[in-house]
Amino acid sequence: MLIDAKKKELLVLYAITQKNDCSLQKLSDELAIPKRTIKELIRKLNLSITHLFGIESFIYSTPKGEIKLNDLYHENRRMIFCQLKLHYLKESNRFNYLLLLIDSPHAGVSKDYLAKQLYLSTSYLEKLTQQINKILKKYQLQITSSQNRYFLEGNELSIRIYLYLFLTDAFQGLEWPFTTICISQLKKQYQLSSAFLLTDQSEKQLESIYLLLALFTIRLDQHSLIPPASTEIMEVLCLLQKVQDFSGTFKQRISTFLSELDGSMKQPTPIF
């Protein structure tokens, strides 16, 4: 959902945070980006990090030409990367557009409301829709327009999985992404299975489970339903299990209770 310039900045920052030592030449070779461009990207990254976090010279060059991170913030490098990425996403009209579609009490969102919230003309909104659809096409999803309202359409199972991955990757537990439903409300309303409530679960990992629950709840409230008389819960869990490193311990626990759920699927079960 980011423009190419911001993607390149984050690509460079991620590469630097993954290495103990590197140089402009190594970064240039690895990322296929000219050294001059990398220097400019690092300058922009430092400006953004200083503006957002008050950190001076987060990335610096040694007399030997090595590219390093400020030692004072080395332990927080991943957090800084995630916060910067979320900041860039929040500046993106494409990201905010999709977030408005997700975080809605209704299945469709009016054209006028979207244009007002994004400070865009309705004509540019159409252009933005086309841009997002190019991204969604690879997941066999699309945003459609009917009676001046926009809808996210496609296989409902694919929609739920894509949106979960989209939200967890963007927010990384830093913020709660929804305004239409709060996590405290979910905690009061639903009790997690004992399979989730283990001693090694962190608060962020538990929050990712509630995020999935919130997403399913919102889609149900929007009357975006998975066709009945099938085994979607098992399909969701099996697909989540195959996705690499998106939900930490949650993914690891899936295999421990798939067999238990298999028996319960013989009876009608709510999709939660």
C-alpha atoms as a PDB file:
ATOM      1  CA  MET A   1       0.000   0.000   0.000  1.00  0.00           C
ATOM      2  CA  LEU A   2       3.057   2.252   0.086  1.00  0.00           C
ATOM      3  CA  ILE A   3       4.544   4.281  -2.727  1.00  0.00           C
ATOM      4  CA  ASP A   4       7.829   2.957  -4.136  1.00  0.00           C
ATOM      5  CA  ALA A   5       9.945   5.647  -2.453  1.00  0.00           C
ATOM      6  CA  LYS A   6       8.741   4.668   1.032  1.00  0.00           C
ATOM      7  CA  LYS A   7       9.108   0.965   0.212  1.00  0.00           C
ATOM      8  CA  LYS A   8      12.760   1.563  -0.679  1.00  0.00           C
ATOM      9  CA  GLU A   9      13.383   3.457   2.559  1.00  0.00           C
ATOM     10  CA  LEU A  10      11.946   0.613   4.613  1.00  0.00           C
ATOM     11  CA  LEU A  11      13.814  -1.959   2.534  1.00  0.00           C
ATOM     12  CA  VAL A  12      17.112  -0.242   3.308  1.00  0.00           C
ATOM     13  CA  LEU A  13      16.269   0.165   6.997  1.00  0.00           C
ATOM     14  CA  TYR A  14      15.236  -3.479   7.297  1.00  0.00           C
ATOM     15  CA  ALA A  15      18.453  -4.657   5.621  1.00  0.00           C
ATOM     16  CA  ILE A  16      20.558  -2.568   8.007  1.00  0.00           C
ATOM     17  CA  THR A  17      18.697  -3.758  11.107  1.00  0.00           C
ATOM     18  CA  GLN A  18      19.324  -7.392  10.110  1.00  0.00           C
ATOM     19  CA  LYS A  19      23.113  -7.034   9.914  1.00  0.00           C
ATOM     20  CA  ASN A  20      25.830  -6.413  12.476  1.00  0.00           C
ATOM     21  CA  ASP A  21      27.914  -4.637   9.883  1.00  0.00           C
ATOM     22  CA  CYS A  22      27.419  -3.612   6.283  1.00  0.00           C
ATOM     23  CA  SER A  23      28.612  -1.049   3.774  1.00  0.00           C
ATOM     24  CA  LEU A  24      27.086   1.020   1.005  1.00  0.00           C
ATOM     25  CA  GLN A  25      28.552  -1.383  -1.521  1.00  0.00           C
ATOM     26  CA  LYS A  26      27.103  -4.454   0.193  1.00  0.00           C
ATOM     27  CA  LEU A  27      23.690  -2.814   0.495  1.00  0.00           C
ATOM     28  CA  SER A  28      23.849  -1.732  -3.135  1.00  0.00           C
ATOM     29  CA  ASP A  29      24.718  -5.241  -4.302  1.00  0.00           C
ATOM     30  CA  GLU A  30      22.114  -6.943  -2.114  1.00  0.00           C
ATOM     31  CA  LEU A  31      19.227  -4.554  -2.836  1.00  0.00           C
ATOM     32  CA  ALA A  32      20.126  -3.671  -6.438  1.00  0.00           C
ATOM     33  CA  ILE A  33      19.967   0.024  -5.587  1.00  0.00           C
ATOM     34  CA  PRO A  34      22.737   2.515  -6.558  1.00  0.00           C
ATOM     35  CA  LYS A  35      24.996   3.638  -3.706  1.00  0.00           C
ATOM     36  CA  ARG A  36      24.060   7.282  -4.225  1.00  0.00           C
ATOM     37  CA  THR A  37      20.382   6.407  -3.892  1.00  0.00           C
ATOM     38  CA  ILE A  38      21.037   4.421  -0.707  1.00  0.00           C
ATOM     39  CA  LYS A  39      22.866   7.389   0.817  1.00  0.00           C
ATOM     40  CA  GLU A  40      19.860   9.601   0.050  1.00  0.00           C
ATOM     41  CA  LEU A  41      17.459   7.015   1.470  1.00  0.00           C
ATOM     42  CA  ILE A  42      19.494   6.815   4.686  1.00  0.00           C
ATOM     43  CA  ARG A  43      19.422  10.626   4.942  1.00  0.00           C
ATOM     44  CA  LYS A  44      15.612  10.574   4.617  1.00  0.00           C
ATOM     45  CA  LEU A  45      15.308   7.748   7.137  1.00  0.00           C
ATOM     46  CA  ASN A  46      17.363   9.670   9.691  1.00  0.00           C
ATOM     47  CA  LEU A  47      15.232  12.772   9.183  1.00  0.00           C
ATOM     48  CA  SER A  48      12.019  10.784   9.700  1.00  0.00           C
ATOM     49  CA  ILE A  49      13.352   8.946  12.757  1.00  0.00           C
ATOM     50  CA  THR A  50      14.583  12.186  14.305  1.00  0.00           C
ATOM     51  CA  HIS A  51      11.216  13.833  13.678  1.00  0.00           C
ATOM     52  CA  LEU A  52       9.176  10.913  15.050  1.00  0.00           C
ATOM     53  CA  PHE A  53      11.327   9.638  17.909  1.00  0.00           C
ATOM     54  CA  GLY A  54      13.805  12.431  18.617  1.00  0.00           C
ATOM     55  CA  ILE A  55      16.738  10.123  17.821  1.00  0.00           C
ATOM     56  CA  GLU A  56      19.711  11.792  16.163  1.00  0.00           C
ATOM     57  CA  SER A  57      21.867   9.845  13.698  1.00  0.00           C
ATOM     58  CA  PHE A  58      20.072   6.529  14.138  1.00  0.00           C
ATOM     59  CA  ILE A  59      22.009   5.286  11.091  1.00  0.00           C
ATOM     60  CA  TYR A  60      25.597   6.453  10.681  1.00  0.00           C
ATOM     61  CA  SER A  61      28.748   5.699   8.723  1.00  0.00           C
ATOM     62  CA  THR A  62      32.086   4.873  10.380  1.00  0.00           C
ATOM     63  CA  PRO A  63      35.473   6.156   9.120  1.00  0.00           C
ATOM     64  CA  LYS A  64      35.908   2.691   7.566  1.00  0.00           C
ATOM     65  CA  GLY A  65      32.742   3.161   5.527  1.00  0.00           C
ATOM     66  CA  GLU A  66      30.634   0.743   7.572  1.00  0.00           C
ATOM     67  CA  ILE A  67      26.924   1.475   7.979  1.00  0.00           C
ATOM     68  CA  LYS A  68      25.807   1.029  11.578  1.00  0.00           C
ATOM     69  CA  LEU A  69      22.921   1.734  13.928  1.00  0.00           C
ATOM     70  CA  ASN A  70      23.178   3.976  16.968  1.00  0.00           C
ATOM     71  CA  ASP A  71      24.276   1.639  19.795  1.00  0.00           C
ATOM     72  CA  LEU A  72      21.895   3.302  22.274  1.00  0.00           C
ATOM     73  CA  TYR A  73      18.899   2.048  20.291  1.00  0.00           C
ATOM     74  CA  HIS A  74      20.193  -1.245  18.948  1.00  0.00           C
ATOM     75  CA  GLU A  75      17.840  -3.305  21.128  1.00  0.00           C
ATOM     76  CA  ASN A  76      14.868  -1.226  19.934  1.00  0.00           C
ATOM     77  CA  ARG A  77      15.687  -1.427  16.229  1.00  0.00           C
ATOM     78  CA  ARG A  78      12.761  -3.709  15.350  1.00  0.00           C
ATOM     79  CA  MET A  79      10.292  -1.557  17.272  1.00  0.00           C
ATOM     80  CA  ILE A  80      11.548   1.570  15.520  1.00  0.00           C
ATOM     81  CA  PHE A  81      11.245  -0.137  12.139  1.00  0.00           C
ATOM     82  CA  CYS A  82       7.651  -1.237  12.850  1.00  0.00           C
ATOM     83  CA  GLN A  83       6.616   2.177  14.157  1.00  0.00           C
ATOM     84  CA  LEU A  84       8.135   3.932  11.164  1.00  0.00           C
ATOM     85  CA  LYS A  85       6.412   1.543   8.766  1.00  0.00           C
ATOM     86  CA  LEU A  86       3.056   2.151  10.454  1.00  0.00           C
ATOM     87  CA  HIS A  87       3.645   5.908  10.279  1.00  0.00           C
ATOM     88  CA  TYR A  88       4.323   5.695   6.550  1.00  0.00           C
ATOM     89  CA  LEU A  89       1.235   3.523   6.057  1.00  0.00           C
ATOM     90  CA  LYS A  90      -0.948   6.044   7.864  1.00  0.00           C
ATOM     91  CA  GLU A  91       0.252   8.665   5.397  1.00  0.00           C
ATOM     92  CA  SER A  92      -0.880   6.461   2.504  1.00  0.00           C
ATOM     93  CA  ASN A  93      -4.309   7.108   0.965  1.00  0.00           C
ATOM     94  CA  ARG A  94      -4.441   3.516  -0.262  1.00  0.00           C
ATOM     95  CA  PHE A  95      -3.889   2.158   3.232  1.00  0.00           C
ATOM     96  CA  ASN A  96      -6.443   4.493   4.810  1.00  0.00           C
ATOM     97  CA  TYR A  97      -8.970   3.712   2.065  1.00  0.00           C
ATOM     98  CA  LEU A  98      -8.785  -0.033   2.728  1.00  0.00           C
ATOM     99  CA  LEU A  99      -8.854   0.527   6.494  1.00  0.00           C
ATOM    100  CA  LEU A 100     -12.087   2.520   6.153  1.00  0.00           C
ATOM    101  CA  LEU A 101     -13.660  -0.367   4.223  1.00  0.00           C
ATOM    102  CA  ILE A 102     -12.568  -2.865   6.873  1.00  0.00           C
ATOM    103  CA  ASP A 103     -13.537  -0.807   9.911  1.00  0.00           C
ATOM    104  CA  SER A 104     -17.137  -0.144   8.923  1.00  0.00           C
ATOM    105  CA  PRO A 105     -20.418  -1.223  10.522  1.00  0.00           C
ATOM    106  CA  HIS A 106     -21.820  -1.726   7.035  1.00  0.00           C
ATOM    107  CA  ALA A 107     -20.756  -3.947   4.140  1.00  0.00           C
ATOM    108  CA  GLY A 108     -20.530  -0.955   1.802  1.00  0.00           C
ATOM    109  CA  VAL A 109     -19.075   2.511   2.403  1.00  0.00           C
ATOM    110  CA  SER A 110     -20.477   5.518   0.577  1.00  0.00           C
ATOM    111  CA  LYS A 111     -18.405   7.312  -2.035  1.00  0.00           C
ATOM    112  CA  ASP A 112     -19.030  10.697  -0.389  1.00  0.00           C
ATOM    113  CA  TYR A 113     -17.933   9.428   3.035  1.00  0.00           C
ATOM    114  CA  LEU A 114     -14.696   7.958   1.671  1.00  0.00           C
ATOM    115  CA  ALA A 115     -13.904  11.109  -0.298  1.00  0.00           C
ATOM    116  CA  LYS A 116     -14.531  13.279   2.772  1.00  0.00           C
ATOM    117  CA  GLN A 117     -12.476  11.128   5.136  1.00  0.00           C
ATOM    118  CA  LEU A 118      -9.552  10.918   2.700  1.00  0.00           C
ATOM    119  CA  TYR A 119      -9.800  14.576   1.571  1.00  0.00           C
ATOM    120  CA  LEU A 120     -10.061  13.484  -2.057  1.00  0.00           C
ATOM    121  CA  SER A 121     -12.262  14.305  -5.006  1.00  0.00           C
ATOM    122  CA  THR A 122     -14.636  11.551  -6.105  1.00  0.00           C
ATOM    123  CA  SER A 123     -12.793  11.347  -9.428  1.00  0.00           C
ATOM    124  CA  TYR A 124      -9.463  10.726  -7.710  1.00  0.00           C
ATOM    125  CA  LEU A 125     -11.207   8.173  -5.493  1.00  0.00           C
ATOM    126  CA  GLU A 126     -11.976   6.171  -8.623  1.00  0.00           C
ATOM    127  CA  LYS A 127      -8.306   6.298  -9.613  1.00  0.00           C
ATOM    128  CA  LEU A 128      -7.295   5.171  -6.129  1.00  0.00           C
ATOM    129  CA  THR A 129      -9.744   2.276  -6.335  1.00  0.00           C
ATOM    130  CA  GLN A 130      -8.089   1.098  -9.539  1.00  0.00           C
ATOM    131  CA  GLN A 131      -4.647   1.265  -7.887  1.00  0.00           C
ATOM    132  CA  ILE A 132      -5.773  -0.806  -4.906  1.00  0.00           C
ATOM    133  CA  ASN A 133      -7.499  -3.334  -7.132  1.00  0.00           C
ATOM    134  CA  LYS A 134      -4.196  -3.982  -8.900  1.00  0.00           C
ATOM    135  CA  ILE A 135      -2.788  -4.993  -5.509  1.00  0.00           C
ATOM    136  CA  LEU A 136      -5.829  -7.053  -4.532  1.00  0.00           C
ATOM    137  CA  LYS A 137      -6.014  -8.855  -7.860  1.00  0.00           C
ATOM    138  CA  LYS A 138      -3.254 -11.298  -6.919  1.00  0.00           C
ATOM    139  CA  TYR A 139      -5.432 -12.418  -3.986  1.00  0.00           C
ATOM    140  CA  GLN A 140      -8.508 -12.682  -6.232  1.00  0.00           C
ATOM    141  CA  LEU A 141     -10.179  -9.830  -4.344  1.00  0.00           C
ATOM    142  CA  GLN A 142     -11.496  -6.511  -5.600  1.00  0.00           C
ATOM    143  CA  ILE A 143     -13.257  -3.324  -4.563  1.00  0.00           C
ATOM    144  CA  THR A 144     -16.479  -2.833  -6.476  1.00  0.00           C
ATOM    145  CA  SER A 145     -18.874   0.109  -6.721  1.00  0.00           C
ATOM    146  CA  SER A 146     -22.653  -0.075  -6.667  1.00  0.00           C
ATOM    147  CA  GLN A 147     -25.196   2.703  -6.023  1.00  0.00           C
ATOM    148  CA  ASN A 148     -22.395   5.087  -4.957  1.00  0.00           C
ATOM    149  CA  ARG A 149     -21.084   2.632  -2.353  1.00  0.00           C
ATOM    150  CA  TYR A 150     -17.838   0.667  -2.332  1.00  0.00           C
ATOM    151  CA  PHE A 151     -17.569  -2.983  -1.335  1.00  0.00           C
ATOM    152  CA  LEU A 152     -14.689  -5.394  -0.783  1.00  0.00           C
ATOM    153  CA  GLU A 153     -15.623  -8.553  -2.656  1.00  0.00           C
ATOM    154  CA  GLY A 154     -14.213 -12.003  -3.328  1.00  0.00           C
ATOM    155  CA  ASN A 155     -14.137 -15.370  -1.628  1.00  0.00           C
ATOM    156  CA  GLU A 156     -15.084 -14.585   1.979  1.00  0.00           C
ATOM    157  CA  LEU A 157     -12.522 -17.001   3.382  1.00  0.00           C
ATOM    158  CA  SER A 158      -9.786 -15.313   1.315  1.00  0.00           C
ATOM    159  CA  ILE A 159     -11.002 -11.875   2.417  1.00  0.00           C
ATOM    160  CA  ARG A 160     -10.766 -12.748   6.102  1.00  0.00           C
ATOM    161  CA  ILE A 161      -7.315 -14.288   5.821  1.00  0.00           C
ATOM    162  CA  TYR A 162      -5.978 -11.434   3.677  1.00  0.00           C
ATOM    163  CA  LEU A 163      -7.352  -8.747   6.012  1.00  0.00           C
ATOM    164  CA  TYR A 164      -5.927 -10.493   9.067  1.00  0.00           C
ATOM    165  CA  LEU A 165      -2.474 -10.682   7.510  1.00  0.00           C
ATOM    166  CA  PHE A 166      -2.801  -7.110   6.250  1.00  0.00           C
ATOM    167  CA  LEU A 167      -3.693  -5.756   9.709  1.00  0.00           C
ATOM    168  CA  THR A 168      -1.183  -7.792  11.723  1.00  0.00           C
ATOM    169  CA  ASP A 169       1.629  -6.847   9.346  1.00  0.00           C
ATOM    170  CA  ALA A 170       0.707  -3.156   9.434  1.00  0.00           C
ATOM    171  CA  PHE A 171       0.030  -2.688  13.145  1.00  0.00           C
ATOM    172  CA  GLN A 172       2.326  -5.346  14.700  1.00  0.00           C
ATOM    173  CA  GLY A 173       0.468  -5.015  18.008  1.00  0.00           C
ATOM    174  CA  LEU A 174       1.448  -1.343  18.295  1.00  0.00           C
ATOM    175  CA  GLU A 175      -2.128  -0.083  18.076  1.00  0.00           C
ATOM    176  CA  TRP A 176      -5.638  -1.514  17.929  1.00  0.00           C
ATOM    177  CA  PRO A 177      -6.785  -1.002  14.313  1.00  0.00           C
ATOM    178  CA  PHE A 178     -10.555  -0.816  14.840  1.00  0.00           C
ATOM    179  CA  THR A 179     -12.863   1.991  15.952  1.00  0.00           C
ATOM    180  CA  THR A 180     -16.116   0.036  15.591  1.00  0.00           C
ATOM    181  CA  ILE A 181     -15.147  -2.613  18.150  1.00  0.00           C
ATOM    182  CA  CYS A 182     -12.732  -2.413  21.088  1.00  0.00           C
ATOM    183  CA  ILE A 183     -10.583  -5.155  22.542  1.00  0.00           C
ATOM    184  CA  SER A 184     -11.973  -4.714  26.069  1.00  0.00           C
ATOM    185  CA  GLN A 185     -15.448  -5.368  24.698  1.00  0.00           C
ATOM    186  CA  LEU A 186     -14.237  -8.612  23.095  1.00  0.00           C
ATOM    187  CA  LYS A 187     -12.516  -9.774  26.281  1.00  0.00           C
ATOM    188  CA  LYS A 188     -15.747  -9.318  28.221  1.00  0.00           C
ATOM    189  CA  GLN A 189     -17.892 -10.961  25.566  1.00  0.00           C
ATOM    190  CA  TYR A 190     -15.739 -13.980  24.688  1.00  0.00           C
ATOM    191  CA  GLN A 191     -13.504 -16.322  26.655  1.00  0.00           C
ATOM    192  CA  LEU A 192     -10.567 -17.830  24.806  1.00  0.00           C
ATOM    193  CA  SER A 193     -10.033 -21.571  24.746  1.00  0.00           C
ATOM    194  CA  SER A 194      -7.506 -22.939  27.233  1.00  0.00           C
ATOM    195  CA  ALA A 195      -5.361 -23.876  24.217  1.00  0.00           C
ATOM    196  CA  PHE A 196      -4.549 -20.169  23.851  1.00  0.00           C
ATOM    197  CA  LEU A 197      -4.215 -19.230  27.508  1.00  0.00           C
ATOM    198  CA  LEU A 198      -0.769 -20.690  28.135  1.00  0.00           C
ATOM    199  CA  THR A 199       1.928 -19.249  30.366  1.00  0.00           C
ATOM    200  CA  ASP A 200       4.248 -18.369  27.464  1.00  0.00           C
ATOM    201  CA  GLN A 201       1.649 -16.258  25.657  1.00  0.00           C
ATOM    202  CA  SER A 202       2.566 -12.574  25.544  1.00  0.00           C
ATOM    203  CA  GLU A 203      -0.049  -9.830  25.659  1.00  0.00           C
ATOM    204  CA  LYS A 204       0.658  -8.970  22.021  1.00  0.00           C
ATOM    205  CA  GLN A 205       0.158 -12.572  20.948  1.00  0.00           C
ATOM    206  CA  LEU A 206      -3.158 -12.707  22.741  1.00  0.00           C
ATOM    207  CA  GLU A 207      -4.103  -9.398  21.129  1.00  0.00           C
ATOM    208  CA  SER A 208      -3.497 -10.908  17.693  1.00  0.00           C
ATOM    209  CA  ILE A 209      -6.052 -13.597  18.528  1.00  0.00           C
ATOM    210  CA  TYR A 210      -8.572 -10.947  19.587  1.00  0.00           C
ATOM    211  CA  LEU A 211      -7.809  -9.069  16.373  1.00  0.00           C
ATOM    212  CA  LEU A 212      -8.806 -12.153  14.380  1.00  0.00           C
ATOM    213  CA  LEU A 213     -11.949 -12.489  16.483  1.00  0.00           C
ATOM    214  CA  ALA A 214     -12.757  -8.783  15.931  1.00  0.00           C
ATOM    215  CA  LEU A 215     -12.291  -9.138  12.192  1.00  0.00           C
ATOM    216  CA  PHE A 216     -14.621 -12.138  12.006  1.00  0.00           C
ATOM    217  CA  THR A 217     -17.171 -10.317  14.166  1.00  0.00           C
ATOM    218  CA  ILE A 218     -17.096  -7.225  11.947  1.00  0.00           C
ATOM    219  CA  ARG A 219     -17.474  -9.290   8.777  1.00  0.00           C
ATOM    220  CA  LEU A 220     -20.462 -11.087  10.314  1.00  0.00           C
ATOM    221  CA  ASP A 221     -22.023  -7.779  11.354  1.00  0.00           C
ATOM    222  CA  GLN A 222     -21.592  -6.620   7.753  1.00  0.00           C
ATOM    223  CA  HIS A 223     -23.500  -9.759   6.687  1.00  0.00           C
ATOM    224  CA  SER A 224     -20.408 -10.964   4.828  1.00  0.00           C
ATOM    225  CA  LEU A 225     -20.909 -14.648   5.458  1.00  0.00           C
ATOM    226  CA  ILE A 226     -19.116 -17.832   4.527  1.00  0.00           C
ATOM    227  CA  PRO A 227     -21.568 -20.247   2.847  1.00  0.00           C
ATOM    228  CA  PRO A 228     -23.140 -22.656   5.380  1.00  0.00           C
ATOM    229  CA  ALA A 229     -22.929 -26.433   5.585  1.00  0.00           C
ATOM    230  CA  SER A 230     -19.167 -26.659   5.043  1.00  0.00           C
ATOM    231  CA  THR A 231     -15.913 -26.848   7.022  1.00  0.00           C
ATOM    232  CA  GLU A 232     -14.602 -23.292   6.854  1.00  0.00           C
ATOM    233  CA  ILE A 233     -13.183 -23.207  10.374  1.00  0.00           C
ATOM    234  CA  MET A 234     -10.904 -26.106   9.572  1.00  0.00           C
ATOM    235  CA  GLU A 235      -9.939 -24.507   6.272  1.00  0.00           C
ATOM    236  CA  VAL A 236      -9.095 -21.211   7.991  1.00  0.00           C
ATOM    237  CA  LEU A 237      -6.921 -22.901  10.594  1.00  0.00           C
ATOM    238  CA  CYS A 238      -5.151 -25.105   8.046  1.00  0.00           C
ATOM    239  CA  LEU A 239      -4.401 -22.097   5.812  1.00  0.00           C
ATOM    240  CA  LEU A 240      -3.186 -20.051   8.774  1.00  0.00           C
ATOM    241  CA  GLN A 241      -0.921 -22.925   9.771  1.00  0.00           C
ATOM    242  CA  LYS A 242       0.735 -22.854   6.344  1.00  0.00           C
ATOM    243  CA  VAL A 243       1.457 -19.109   6.410  1.00  0.00           C
ATOM    244  CA  GLN A 244       4.988 -18.362   7.505  1.00  0.00           C
ATOM    245  CA  ASP A 245       5.665 -16.290  10.636  1.00  0.00           C
ATOM    246  CA  PHE A 246       2.658 -14.012  10.832  1.00  0.00           C
ATOM    247  CA  SER A 247       1.237 -14.661  14.273  1.00  0.00           C
ATOM    248  CA  GLY A 248       3.971 -16.157  16.435  1.00  0.00           C
ATOM    249  CA  THR A 249       2.801 -18.590  19.049  1.00  0.00           C
ATOM    250  CA  PHE A 250      -0.773 -18.525  17.708  1.00  0.00           C
ATOM    251  CA  LYS A 251       0.357 -20.338  14.571  1.00  0.00           C
ATOM    252  CA  GLN A 252       2.345 -22.865  16.588  1.00  0.00           C
ATOM    253  CA  ARG A 253      -0.683 -23.741  18.726  1.00  0.00           C
ATOM    254  CA  ILE A 254      -3.005 -24.423  15.802  1.00  0.00           C
ATOM    255  CA  SER A 255      -1.696 -27.944  15.224  1.00  0.00           C
ATOM    256  CA  THR A 256      -2.369 -28.890  18.878  1.00  0.00           C
ATOM    257  CA  PHE A 257      -6.126 -28.437  18.617  1.00  0.00           C
ATOM    258  CA  LEU A 258      -6.900 -29.096  14.941  1.00  0.00           C
ATOM    259  CA  SER A 259      -7.746 -32.693  15.808  1.00  0.00           C
ATOM    260  CA  GLU A 260     -10.054 -31.597  18.644  1.00  0.00           C
ATOM    261  CA  LEU A 261     -11.958 -29.256  16.319  1.00  0.00           C
ATOM    262  CA  ASP A 262     -12.251 -31.934  13.670  1.00  0.00           C
ATOM    263  CA  GLY A 263     -14.806 -33.788  15.747  1.00  0.00           C
ATOM    264  CA  SER A 264     -16.794 -30.669  16.575  1.00  0.00           C
ATOM    265  CA  MET A 265     -17.108 -29.785  12.891  1.00  0.00           C
ATOM    266  CA  LYS A 266     -19.628 -32.582  12.511  1.00  0.00           C
ATOM    267  CA  GLN A 267     -22.098 -30.241  14.255  1.00  0.00           C
ATOM    268  CA  PRO A 268     -23.028 -26.666  13.085  1.00  0.00           C
ATOM    269  CA  THR A 269     -20.497 -24.263  14.602  1.00  0.00           C
ATOM    270  CA  PRO A 270     -20.455 -20.397  14.558  1.00  0.00           C
ATOM    271  CA  ILE A 271     -17.530 -18.905  12.610  1.00  0.00           C
ATOM    272  CA  PHE A 272     -15.597 -17.236  15.447  1.00  0.00           C
END
